[in-house]
Every structure is written in C-alpha cells, then in structure tokens.
C-alpha cells in the first residue's frame, strides 16, 4: 500500500503535514476535500530555470479503488497556442499533459521535479448523499445562497467521478434538483489502472531519456471521455453521449458538496 506526505489545509487556512495512504487520500476526496498538487521543478533542467515553485488545482478527479487521476481545467496555453490540461496520478511516478485539440497525451516523469506533493484543501462540505435519503431542501437553500457546488458520482463501473458543477437547478413545484457539471474531456484510460500502465509502457522511452527531454513525443488518442453529467435527485443522470441518444442512466451513489464560506 502506497503512502506519502500530504499537506492538509483546513477551513481556517492552517495546515498539517500527514503521512497518508492512497486509501486515506481517496477517503478525504470523497469527504469533499479539493485536490491540489505542489511542485518545485528541478532547475538544473534548462526548461525549468529559473528556480520556482508552482501549483495546480485538479477539480476533475477519477477514482478507481485506491487509484486516482486528478486533472486541471483544459485552460493551459501551450506554445502552439492551444488549450491543454495537466494531469497527475498516484498510479505511477508519472504525470502528463493532455491536448484534446490534437488528441494527444504527453507523458513525463515526476523526476522533473525536486518536490512533488499532494495537497488536500478542506474547502467543501457534504450536504447531500443519495445513500442517506437527505431532503432536497438543502440543495434549494444553497442555490439561494449562490453557493458553488461539486459532485462525486459512483457509476455502473464502480468508478467515482468528481467534477465541478456548472449549473445547479431546483424545481420549486416538484421539489427536485438537477445539477449539470462542467463540460470537459479526459483520456478514457484514466478510468482503468491497467490501461494507464499499458499506455505508459507503450511510451516508456521518456522514462530513460535525458532530463531535459524526458517527455514522450506525444501519444495519439481517439477515445476521449467527456465529463459532462446532468444528475437528478430521482437517481437518474445523463452524460455527453446520452444527449444525442435521448437516453438516461442510473447512478449507484451521488454525493453533493458546497464551498465553505471561510474555506
């Protein structure tokens, strides 16, 4: 079982560094903690000079058992003037950038960093859980307060999907809610541990490359997975692929969180 030092930042903006297993990190994420990554790139690598520190917010999280990928918004401007995302995982000592416009993943080794740490920021609180049969009034009140929402949805493959909500809605007459998540996309192999390992193995030359070249030449994909979900209090949802089909699915579990005022 893997373990690492994780910085946990509470609602009062004080922190504690903890030795946490992957299972414990996943438990915190499903309790509502946001995932961040803190890095100090190795400045001996010319492309990382001058020495600096950096961080990424990873609002899109895919969890399969104790394994997870965290993905930034597709908002990073590349040198080719295209939008890409950075993605980090606990599956191996790797990370990647993903460019959906050209359908490519670029794998890199975490050896590019002097320091890489997971940060968990306790800035969201759980307000509704489909397993607990909570009343929907809590969603209505948070919408009235203009709260920021995110969801964790357990799908039919027992994979947790954590995504920010773009549009929360509450139907006043019916007493039901519908939450529409942000539309983004990610490589489908993020969902499966063995698929991730296979893709890394197929591009393993970057692991033994010279420090300034330890990036894969780009792995072309044609099977992106779109993150959009529209989730309802009746246990149903539809995703990006259901829209043209006019179909709906059933989630196994849905957890809803809102941002803390002092978070």
Protein backbone atom coordinates (compact mmCIF):
# COMPACT_ATOMS: atom_id res chain seq x y z
CA UNK A 1 0.00 0.00 0.00
CA UNK A 2 1.50 3.33 -1.08
CA UNK A 3 1.79 6.21 1.36
CA UNK A 4 3.09 9.74 1.07
CA UNK A 5 3.35 13.01 2.96
CA UNK A 6 0.23 15.05 2.24
CA UNK A 7 -0.40 18.63 3.31
CA UNK A 8 -3.96 19.00 4.62
CA UNK A 9 -5.20 22.60 4.74
CA UNK A 10 -8.29 23.16 6.86
CA UNK A 11 -11.07 25.74 6.59
CA UNK A 12 -9.13 28.19 8.75
CA UNK A 13 -6.20 28.06 6.31
CA UNK A 14 -3.87 26.34 8.75
CA UNK A 15 -2.22 23.12 7.70
CA UNK A 16 -0.79 19.85 8.91
CA UNK A 17 1.55 17.50 7.03
CA UNK A 18 0.35 13.91 7.38
CA UNK A 19 1.63 10.52 6.30
CA UNK A 20 -1.36 9.19 4.36
CA UNK A 21 -2.05 6.04 2.39
CA UNK A 22 -3.71 6.21 -1.03
CA UNK A 23 -6.87 4.84 0.58
CA UNK A 24 -6.87 7.68 3.12
CA UNK A 25 -6.37 10.28 0.38
CA UNK A 26 -9.36 8.85 -1.52
CA UNK A 27 -11.47 8.95 1.66
CA UNK A 28 -10.64 12.64 2.11
CA UNK A 29 -11.54 13.39 -1.51
CA UNK A 30 -14.90 11.66 -1.07
CA UNK A 31 -15.45 13.68 2.12
CA UNK A 32 -15.20 16.83 -0.01
CA UNK A 33 -11.52 17.84 0.08
CA UNK A 34 -10.17 19.51 -3.06
CA UNK A 35 -7.06 18.04 -4.67
CA UNK A 36 -4.06 20.24 -5.46
CA UNK A 37 -0.50 19.45 -6.43
CA UNK A 38 2.53 21.43 -5.24
CA UNK A 39 5.75 21.25 -7.23
CA UNK A 40 9.29 22.59 -7.27
CA UNK A 41 10.68 21.83 -10.74
CA UNK A 42 14.33 20.74 -10.94
CA UNK A 43 16.06 23.95 -12.05
CA UNK A 44 19.12 22.01 -13.26
CA UNK A 45 16.92 21.14 -16.24
CA UNK A 46 17.19 24.19 -18.55
CA UNK A 47 13.48 24.32 -19.34
CA UNK A 48 12.75 24.53 -15.58
CA UNK A 49 15.06 27.50 -14.98
CA UNK A 50 14.95 29.82 -13.07
CA UNK A 51 14.13 28.02 -9.84
CA UNK A 52 10.49 28.40 -8.89
CA UNK A 53 7.53 26.73 -7.21
CA UNK A 54 4.11 26.11 -8.72
CA UNK A 55 0.74 24.55 -8.03
CA UNK A 56 -2.22 23.18 -9.93
CA UNK A 57 -5.84 22.86 -8.89
CA UNK A 58 -7.20 19.47 -10.01
CA UNK A 59 -11.01 19.79 -9.97
CA UNK A 60 -11.66 16.75 -12.19
CA UNK A 61 -10.87 13.53 -10.31
CA UNK A 62 -11.36 9.95 -11.47
CA UNK A 63 -11.12 7.32 -8.71
CA UNK A 64 -10.92 3.56 -9.28
CA UNK A 65 -10.44 1.80 -5.95
CA UNK A 66 -7.41 3.41 -4.31
CA UNK A 67 -6.07 4.77 -7.59
CA UNK A 68 -6.86 8.19 -8.97
CA UNK A 69 -6.12 10.76 -11.64
CA UNK A 70 -6.54 14.48 -10.96
CA UNK A 71 -6.92 16.81 -13.92
CA UNK A 72 -6.74 20.58 -14.24
CA UNK A 73 -9.18 22.55 -16.33
CA UNK A 74 -8.35 22.46 -20.05
CA UNK A 75 -7.08 26.03 -19.80
CA UNK A 76 -3.27 25.91 -20.08
CA UNK A 77 -1.99 27.79 -23.14
CA UNK A 78 0.66 25.78 -24.97
CA UNK A 79 3.46 27.13 -27.14
CA UNK A 80 1.33 26.11 -30.12
CA UNK A 81 -1.42 28.43 -28.83
CA UNK A 82 -3.74 25.56 -27.96
CA UNK A 83 -5.51 24.79 -24.68
CA UNK A 84 -4.29 21.77 -22.73
CA UNK A 85 -4.60 20.29 -19.24
CA UNK A 86 -2.11 18.87 -16.75
CA UNK A 87 -2.93 15.57 -15.08
CA UNK A 88 -1.39 13.83 -12.05
CA UNK A 89 -1.85 10.31 -10.71
CA UNK A 90 -0.84 8.04 -7.83
CA UNK A 91 -0.65 5.01 -10.13
CA UNK A 92 2.99 5.53 -11.12
CA UNK A 93 5.77 8.10 -10.84
CA UNK A 94 4.45 9.94 -13.89
CA UNK A 95 2.23 12.81 -14.93
CA UNK A 96 1.06 14.05 -18.29
CA UNK A 97 -0.35 16.90 -20.29
CA UNK A 98 -3.40 16.32 -22.43
CA UNK A 99 -4.25 18.31 -25.53
CA UNK A 100 -7.78 17.48 -26.73
CA UNK A 101 -7.48 19.65 -29.83
CA UNK A 102 -4.87 17.30 -31.30
CA UNK A 103 -5.97 14.20 -29.33
CA UNK A 104 -2.57 13.68 -27.72
CA UNK A 105 -1.17 12.82 -24.31
CA UNK A 106 2.42 13.77 -23.45
CA UNK A 107 3.81 11.63 -20.60
CA UNK A 108 6.51 12.95 -18.26
CA UNK A 109 8.38 11.61 -15.27
CA UNK A 110 7.99 13.21 -11.83
CA UNK A 111 11.79 13.18 -11.79
CA UNK A 112 11.43 16.57 -13.47
CA UNK A 113 10.51 17.85 -10.00
CA UNK A 114 12.70 18.30 -6.95
CA UNK A 115 9.49 18.25 -4.95
CA UNK A 116 6.04 16.96 -5.73
CA UNK A 117 3.36 16.81 -3.00
CA UNK A 118 -0.35 16.25 -2.83
CA UNK A 119 -2.30 18.98 -1.08
CA UNK A 120 -5.82 18.44 0.24
CA UNK A 121 -7.76 21.62 0.90
CA UNK A 122 -10.83 21.15 3.11
CA UNK A 123 -12.87 23.82 1.37
CA UNK A 124 -16.10 21.91 0.59
CA UNK A 125 -18.66 20.30 2.85
CA UNK A 126 -21.03 17.42 2.09
CA UNK A 127 -24.69 18.47 2.06
CA UNK A 128 -26.48 15.60 0.28
CA UNK A 129 -25.86 11.88 -0.09
CA UNK A 130 -28.18 9.60 -2.06
CA UNK A 131 -27.47 6.77 0.39
CA UNK A 132 -28.84 8.77 3.31
CA UNK A 133 -32.14 9.86 1.74
CA UNK A 134 -31.49 13.51 2.67
CA UNK A 135 -34.25 16.03 1.92
CA UNK A 136 -33.65 18.12 -1.19
CA UNK A 137 -34.31 21.38 0.69
CA UNK A 138 -30.59 21.61 1.46
CA UNK A 139 -29.87 21.99 -2.29
CA UNK A 140 -32.52 24.69 -2.62
CA UNK A 141 -31.06 26.68 0.29
CA UNK A 142 -27.52 26.51 -1.11
CA UNK A 143 -28.69 27.66 -4.54
CA UNK A 144 -30.46 30.58 -2.86
CA UNK A 145 -27.13 31.38 -1.18
CA UNK A 146 -25.33 31.23 -4.57
CA UNK A 147 -23.01 28.51 -3.28
CA UNK A 148 -20.50 26.79 -5.51
CA UNK A 149 -21.21 23.07 -5.99
CA UNK A 150 -19.30 19.96 -6.92
CA UNK A 151 -20.36 16.32 -7.11
CA UNK A 152 -18.97 12.82 -6.67
CA UNK A 153 -20.88 10.22 -8.66
CA UNK A 154 -20.34 6.46 -8.44
CA UNK A 155 -21.13 4.98 -11.84
CA UNK A 156 -22.03 1.48 -13.02
CA UNK A 157 -18.34 0.53 -13.25
CA UNK A 158 -17.76 1.43 -9.58
CA UNK A 159 -15.69 4.43 -10.61
CA UNK A 160 -16.07 7.71 -8.72
CA UNK A 161 -16.31 10.81 -10.88
CA UNK A 162 -15.68 14.13 -9.09
CA UNK A 163 -16.43 17.27 -11.09
CA UNK A 164 -17.38 20.91 -10.50
CA UNK A 165 -20.98 21.88 -11.17
CA UNK A 166 -21.61 24.45 -13.88
CA UNK A 167 -25.36 24.90 -13.29
CA UNK A 168 -27.32 23.80 -10.20
CA UNK A 169 -31.11 23.91 -10.56
CA UNK A 170 -34.01 23.28 -8.17
CA UNK A 171 -37.55 22.73 -9.43
CA UNK A 172 -39.80 24.53 -6.97
CA UNK A 173 -43.08 22.76 -7.68
CA UNK A 174 -41.61 19.25 -7.82
CA UNK A 175 -39.08 19.67 -5.00
CA UNK A 176 -36.38 18.09 -7.15
CA UNK A 177 -32.89 19.17 -8.18
CA UNK A 178 -30.83 18.81 -11.34
CA UNK A 179 -27.10 19.53 -11.36
CA UNK A 180 -25.18 19.98 -14.61
CA UNK A 181 -21.41 19.60 -14.39
CA UNK A 182 -18.72 21.44 -16.31
CA UNK A 183 -18.13 20.03 -19.81
CA UNK A 184 -14.54 18.92 -20.25
CA UNK A 185 -12.79 15.81 -21.50
CA UNK A 186 -10.04 13.43 -20.49
CA UNK A 187 -8.33 10.29 -21.89
CA UNK A 188 -10.52 7.28 -21.21
CA UNK A 189 -7.58 5.27 -19.83
CA UNK A 190 -7.72 7.45 -16.71
CA UNK A 191 -10.62 5.23 -15.68
CA UNK A 192 -8.66 1.97 -15.70
CA UNK A 193 -5.42 1.20 -13.86
CA UNK A 194 -4.17 -1.46 -16.27
CA UNK A 195 -4.94 0.74 -19.27
CA UNK A 196 -2.89 3.54 -17.71
CA UNK A 197 0.04 1.18 -17.17
CA UNK A 198 -0.24 -0.08 -20.75
CA UNK A 199 -0.15 3.42 -22.23
CA UNK A 200 2.87 4.33 -20.09
CA UNK A 201 4.62 1.11 -21.13
CA UNK A 202 3.93 1.88 -24.80
CA UNK A 203 5.70 5.22 -24.34
CA UNK A 204 8.39 4.17 -21.85
CA UNK A 205 11.24 5.86 -23.74
CA UNK A 206 10.55 9.09 -21.85
CA UNK A 207 11.44 7.41 -18.52
CA UNK A 208 15.05 6.81 -19.59
CA UNK A 209 15.52 9.95 -21.67
CA UNK A 210 17.90 12.76 -20.77
CA UNK A 211 16.50 15.05 -18.05
CA UNK A 212 15.57 17.86 -20.42
CA UNK A 213 13.96 15.51 -22.91
CA UNK A 214 12.04 13.19 -20.60
CA UNK A 215 8.72 13.84 -22.23
CA UNK A 216 7.07 11.37 -24.57
CA UNK A 217 6.80 12.53 -28.19
CA UNK A 218 3.03 12.50 -27.88
CA UNK A 219 0.63 9.59 -27.80
CA UNK A 220 -2.34 9.99 -30.10
CA UNK A 221 -5.76 9.04 -28.76
CA UNK A 222 -9.13 8.64 -30.37
CA UNK A 223 -11.20 7.66 -27.35
CA UNK A 224 -11.67 10.70 -25.15
CA UNK A 225 -14.25 10.60 -22.37
CA UNK A 226 -16.40 13.67 -21.81
CA UNK A 227 -17.05 14.73 -18.22
CA UNK A 228 -20.45 16.34 -18.65
CA UNK A 229 -23.19 14.92 -16.42
CA UNK A 230 -26.71 16.08 -15.64
CA UNK A 231 -27.69 14.46 -12.34
CA UNK A 232 -31.14 14.42 -10.73
CA UNK A 233 -32.46 13.67 -7.25
CA UNK A 234 -34.54 10.76 -8.62
CA UNK A 235 -31.38 8.66 -9.11
CA UNK A 236 -31.02 9.25 -12.83
CA UNK A 237 -28.42 11.04 -14.91
CA UNK A 238 -27.38 11.50 -18.49
CA UNK A 239 -23.91 12.17 -19.87
CA UNK A 240 -22.43 13.69 -23.01
CA UNK A 241 -23.05 10.52 -25.02
CA UNK A 242 -26.66 10.19 -23.83
CA UNK A 243 -27.60 13.63 -25.20
CA UNK A 244 -27.86 12.65 -28.90
CA UNK A 245 -29.41 9.29 -27.96
CA UNK A 246 -32.00 10.81 -25.65
CA UNK A 247 -31.19 8.16 -23.02
CA UNK A 248 -30.69 8.21 -19.25
CA UNK A 249 -28.77 6.07 -16.79
CA UNK A 250 -28.85 5.32 -13.06
CA UNK A 251 -26.05 6.27 -10.70
CA UNK A 252 -25.06 3.97 -7.83
CA UNK A 253 -24.42 6.86 -5.46
CA UNK A 254 -24.31 10.63 -5.60
CA UNK A 255 -22.63 12.97 -3.11
CA UNK A 256 -23.06 16.75 -3.35
CA UNK A 257 -20.76 19.34 -1.80
CA UNK A 258 -20.77 23.13 -1.49
CA UNK A 259 -17.92 25.53 -0.86
CA UNK A 260 -17.37 26.74 2.68
CA UNK A 261 -17.72 30.46 3.30
CA UNK A 262 -14.42 30.57 5.18
CA UNK A 263 -12.69 27.94 3.00
